[in-house]
Amino acid sequence: MQIAWSYDNEGKEKEAITHYLSSLSGILSSTERFDALFGLASTYRSLGMYAEALSYFEQTLNEYPSSIEVQPFHAMCLYNLGRHKEATSLLLELLISTTNSEAIKTYQRAISLYAQDLDKTW
């Protein structure tokens, strides 16, 4: 796992992939597994391997649903795959669930409603 991170930090993402995959085949703590899944997904995305990235982002979110730090990267991957509506909806939901801004909170209900279907008109 640490080797994969080292390669990522050195800009050697392609070399990191093998080490992420290798670490995932071994015994990891929950934190280490999260880091390996999230790191692998992010590395695939940074290399333009969006389908692979999406698979690992989804696996990470399935196994660690409360890890909201994954959601912006998942949304970027959806965007990269041309799934702009899903990406925007995800980011809007993340915004209203994490903001401390009273100005945003004032419009929380409306933003949430629109996030469910950005194309809907009344």
C-alpha atoms as a PDB file:
ATOM      1  CA  MET A   1       0.000   0.000   0.000  1.00  0.00           C
ATOM      2  CA  GLN A   2       2.724   2.467   0.939  1.00  0.00           C
ATOM      3  CA  ILE A   3       4.625   1.663  -2.244  1.00  0.00           C
ATOM      4  CA  ALA A   4       1.533   2.499  -4.304  1.00  0.00           C
ATOM      5  CA  TRP A   5       1.221   5.858  -2.561  1.00  0.00           C
ATOM      6  CA  SER A   6       4.899   6.555  -3.133  1.00  0.00           C
ATOM      7  CA  TYR A   7       4.526   5.941  -6.857  1.00  0.00           C
ATOM      8  CA  ASP A   8       1.410   8.140  -6.958  1.00  0.00           C
ATOM      9  CA  ASN A   9       3.225  10.960  -5.181  1.00  0.00           C
ATOM     10  CA  GLU A  10       6.141  10.693  -7.610  1.00  0.00           C
ATOM     11  CA  GLY A  11       3.825  11.013 -10.606  1.00  0.00           C
ATOM     12  CA  LYS A  12       4.255   7.337 -11.517  1.00  0.00           C
ATOM     13  CA  GLU A  13       0.588   6.439 -11.451  1.00  0.00           C
ATOM     14  CA  LYS A  14       0.892   3.503 -13.856  1.00  0.00           C
ATOM     15  CA  GLU A  15       3.386   1.820 -11.542  1.00  0.00           C
ATOM     16  CA  ALA A  16       1.111   2.461  -8.548  1.00  0.00           C
ATOM     17  CA  ILE A  17      -1.757   0.410  -9.988  1.00  0.00           C
ATOM     18  CA  THR A  18       0.026  -2.921  -9.616  1.00  0.00           C
ATOM     19  CA  HIS A  19       0.817  -2.161  -5.990  1.00  0.00           C
ATOM     20  CA  TYR A  20      -2.741  -1.071  -5.169  1.00  0.00           C
ATOM     21  CA  LEU A  21      -4.093  -4.280  -6.705  1.00  0.00           C
ATOM     22  CA  SER A  22      -1.519  -6.362  -4.881  1.00  0.00           C
ATOM     23  CA  SER A  23      -2.364  -4.763  -1.548  1.00  0.00           C
ATOM     24  CA  LEU A  24      -6.072  -5.409  -2.110  1.00  0.00           C
ATOM     25  CA  SER A  25      -5.380  -9.111  -2.537  1.00  0.00           C
ATOM     26  CA  GLY A  26      -3.768  -9.247   0.906  1.00  0.00           C
ATOM     27  CA  ILE A  27      -4.959  -8.735   4.449  1.00  0.00           C
ATOM     28  CA  LEU A  28      -5.640  -5.083   5.216  1.00  0.00           C
ATOM     29  CA  SER A  29      -7.184  -3.182   8.071  1.00  0.00           C
ATOM     30  CA  SER A  30     -10.418  -1.382   7.251  1.00  0.00           C
ATOM     31  CA  THR A  31      -8.553   1.922   6.936  1.00  0.00           C
ATOM     32  CA  GLU A  32      -5.887   0.413   4.704  1.00  0.00           C
ATOM     33  CA  ARG A  33      -8.534  -1.195   2.494  1.00  0.00           C
ATOM     34  CA  PHE A  34     -10.355   2.111   2.149  1.00  0.00           C
ATOM     35  CA  ASP A  35      -7.118   3.887   1.252  1.00  0.00           C
ATOM     36  CA  ALA A  36      -6.228   1.215  -1.319  1.00  0.00           C
ATOM     37  CA  LEU A  37      -9.669   1.246  -2.978  1.00  0.00           C
ATOM     38  CA  PHE A  38      -9.905   5.033  -3.017  1.00  0.00           C
ATOM     39  CA  GLY A  39      -6.292   5.406  -4.152  1.00  0.00           C
ATOM     40  CA  LEU A  40      -6.748   2.907  -6.965  1.00  0.00           C
ATOM     41  CA  ALA A  41      -9.970   4.543  -8.150  1.00  0.00           C
ATOM     42  CA  SER A  42      -8.353   7.991  -8.115  1.00  0.00           C
ATOM     43  CA  THR A  43      -5.276   6.716  -9.931  1.00  0.00           C
ATOM     44  CA  TYR A  44      -7.351   5.087 -12.663  1.00  0.00           C
ATOM     45  CA  ARG A  45      -9.289   8.337 -13.084  1.00  0.00           C
ATOM     46  CA  SER A  46      -6.132  10.420 -13.302  1.00  0.00           C
ATOM     47  CA  LEU A  47      -4.893   8.125 -16.087  1.00  0.00           C
ATOM     48  CA  GLY A  48      -8.141   8.471 -18.034  1.00  0.00           C
ATOM     49  CA  MET A  49      -9.202   4.903 -17.290  1.00  0.00           C
ATOM     50  CA  TYR A  50     -12.680   6.040 -16.336  1.00  0.00           C
ATOM     51  CA  ALA A  51     -14.581   2.735 -16.498  1.00  0.00           C
ATOM     52  CA  GLU A  52     -12.064   1.092 -14.167  1.00  0.00           C
ATOM     53  CA  ALA A  53     -12.129   4.131 -11.897  1.00  0.00           C
ATOM     54  CA  LEU A  54     -15.907   4.117 -11.710  1.00  0.00           C
ATOM     55  CA  SER A  55     -15.924   0.470 -10.705  1.00  0.00           C
ATOM     56  CA  TYR A  56     -13.557   1.143  -7.805  1.00  0.00           C
ATOM     57  CA  PHE A  57     -15.299   4.371  -6.743  1.00  0.00           C
ATOM     58  CA  GLU A  58     -18.575   2.438  -6.582  1.00  0.00           C
ATOM     59  CA  GLN A  59     -16.942  -0.394  -4.648  1.00  0.00           C
ATOM     60  CA  THR A  60     -15.421   2.113  -2.223  1.00  0.00           C
ATOM     61  CA  LEU A  61     -18.787   3.804  -1.675  1.00  0.00           C
ATOM     62  CA  ASN A  62     -20.536   0.444  -1.252  1.00  0.00           C
ATOM     63  CA  GLU A  63     -18.058  -0.701   1.380  1.00  0.00           C
ATOM     64  CA  TYR A  64     -17.616   2.699   3.052  1.00  0.00           C
ATOM     65  CA  PRO A  65     -20.904   4.595   2.497  1.00  0.00           C
ATOM     66  CA  SER A  66     -20.170   7.277   5.095  1.00  0.00           C
ATOM     67  CA  SER A  67     -16.894   8.307   3.434  1.00  0.00           C
ATOM     68  CA  ILE A  68     -18.112  11.485   1.822  1.00  0.00           C
ATOM     69  CA  GLU A  69     -14.603  12.445   0.702  1.00  0.00           C
ATOM     70  CA  VAL A  70     -15.018   9.914  -2.127  1.00  0.00           C
ATOM     71  CA  GLN A  71     -18.093  11.620  -3.555  1.00  0.00           C
ATOM     72  CA  PRO A  72     -16.419  14.592  -5.316  1.00  0.00           C
ATOM     73  CA  PHE A  73     -13.978  12.242  -7.038  1.00  0.00           C
ATOM     74  CA  HIS A  74     -16.826   9.899  -7.962  1.00  0.00           C
ATOM     75  CA  ALA A  75     -18.659  12.896  -9.424  1.00  0.00           C
ATOM     76  CA  MET A  76     -15.582  13.902 -11.437  1.00  0.00           C
ATOM     77  CA  CYS A  77     -15.410  10.374 -12.832  1.00  0.00           C
ATOM     78  CA  LEU A  78     -19.081  10.490 -13.789  1.00  0.00           C
ATOM     79  CA  TYR A  79     -18.382  13.800 -15.522  1.00  0.00           C
ATOM     80  CA  ASN A  80     -15.431  12.236 -17.371  1.00  0.00           C
ATOM     81  CA  LEU A  81     -17.768   9.483 -18.570  1.00  0.00           C
ATOM     82  CA  GLY A  82     -20.228  12.051 -19.939  1.00  0.00           C
ATOM     83  CA  ARG A  83     -22.706  11.453 -17.137  1.00  0.00           C
ATOM     84  CA  HIS A  84     -22.971  15.169 -16.368  1.00  0.00           C
ATOM     85  CA  LYS A  85     -26.458  15.108 -14.898  1.00  0.00           C
ATOM     86  CA  GLU A  86     -25.540  12.426 -12.336  1.00  0.00           C
ATOM     87  CA  ALA A  87     -22.307  14.218 -11.470  1.00  0.00           C
ATOM     88  CA  THR A  88     -24.050  17.526 -10.902  1.00  0.00           C
ATOM     89  CA  SER A  89     -26.841  15.953  -8.868  1.00  0.00           C
ATOM     90  CA  LEU A  90     -24.339  14.147  -6.676  1.00  0.00           C
ATOM     91  CA  LEU A  91     -22.397  17.363  -6.049  1.00  0.00           C
ATOM     92  CA  LEU A  92     -25.574  19.306  -5.242  1.00  0.00           C
ATOM     93  CA  GLU A  93     -26.625  16.667  -2.711  1.00  0.00           C
ATOM     94  CA  LEU A  94     -23.152  16.695  -1.210  1.00  0.00           C
ATOM     95  CA  LEU A  95     -23.249  20.477  -0.974  1.00  0.00           C
ATOM     96  CA  ILE A  96     -26.519  20.614   0.918  1.00  0.00           C
ATOM     97  CA  SER A  97     -25.539  17.769   3.225  1.00  0.00           C
ATOM     98  CA  THR A  98     -22.203  19.277   4.234  1.00  0.00           C
ATOM     99  CA  THR A  99     -22.527  23.037   4.029  1.00  0.00           C
ATOM    100  CA  ASN A 100     -22.371  25.409   6.951  1.00  0.00           C
ATOM    101  CA  SER A 101     -23.558  28.276   4.790  1.00  0.00           C
ATOM    102  CA  GLU A 102     -26.854  29.701   5.990  1.00  0.00           C
ATOM    103  CA  ALA A 103     -27.418  31.139   2.503  1.00  0.00           C
ATOM    104  CA  ILE A 104     -27.281  27.636   0.993  1.00  0.00           C
ATOM    105  CA  LYS A 105     -29.283  26.125   3.854  1.00  0.00           C
ATOM    106  CA  THR A 106     -32.075  28.609   3.082  1.00  0.00           C
ATOM    107  CA  TYR A 107     -32.461  26.985  -0.331  1.00  0.00           C
ATOM    108  CA  GLN A 108     -31.698  23.421   0.775  1.00  0.00           C
ATOM    109  CA  ARG A 109     -35.157  22.068  -0.016  1.00  0.00           C
ATOM    110  CA  ALA A 110     -35.222  23.593  -3.502  1.00  0.00           C
ATOM    111  CA  ILE A 111     -31.668  22.481  -4.313  1.00  0.00           C
ATOM    112  CA  SER A 112     -32.469  18.944  -3.195  1.00  0.00           C
ATOM    113  CA  LEU A 113     -35.621  18.878  -5.303  1.00  0.00           C
ATOM    114  CA  TYR A 114     -33.798  20.098  -8.400  1.00  0.00           C
ATOM    115  CA  ALA A 115     -30.900  17.695  -7.792  1.00  0.00           C
ATOM    116  CA  GLN A 116     -33.326  14.778  -8.156  1.00  0.00           C
ATOM    117  CA  ASP A 117     -34.102  15.777 -11.758  1.00  0.00           C
ATOM    118  CA  LEU A 118     -32.135  18.670 -13.199  1.00  0.00           C
ATOM    119  CA  ASP A 119     -34.151  18.625 -16.438  1.00  0.00           C
ATOM    120  CA  LYS A 120     -37.573  18.875 -14.829  1.00  0.00           C
ATOM    121  CA  THR A 121     -39.530  22.053 -15.366  1.00  0.00           C
ATOM    122  CA  TRP A 122     -42.754  23.209 -13.811  1.00  0.00           C
END
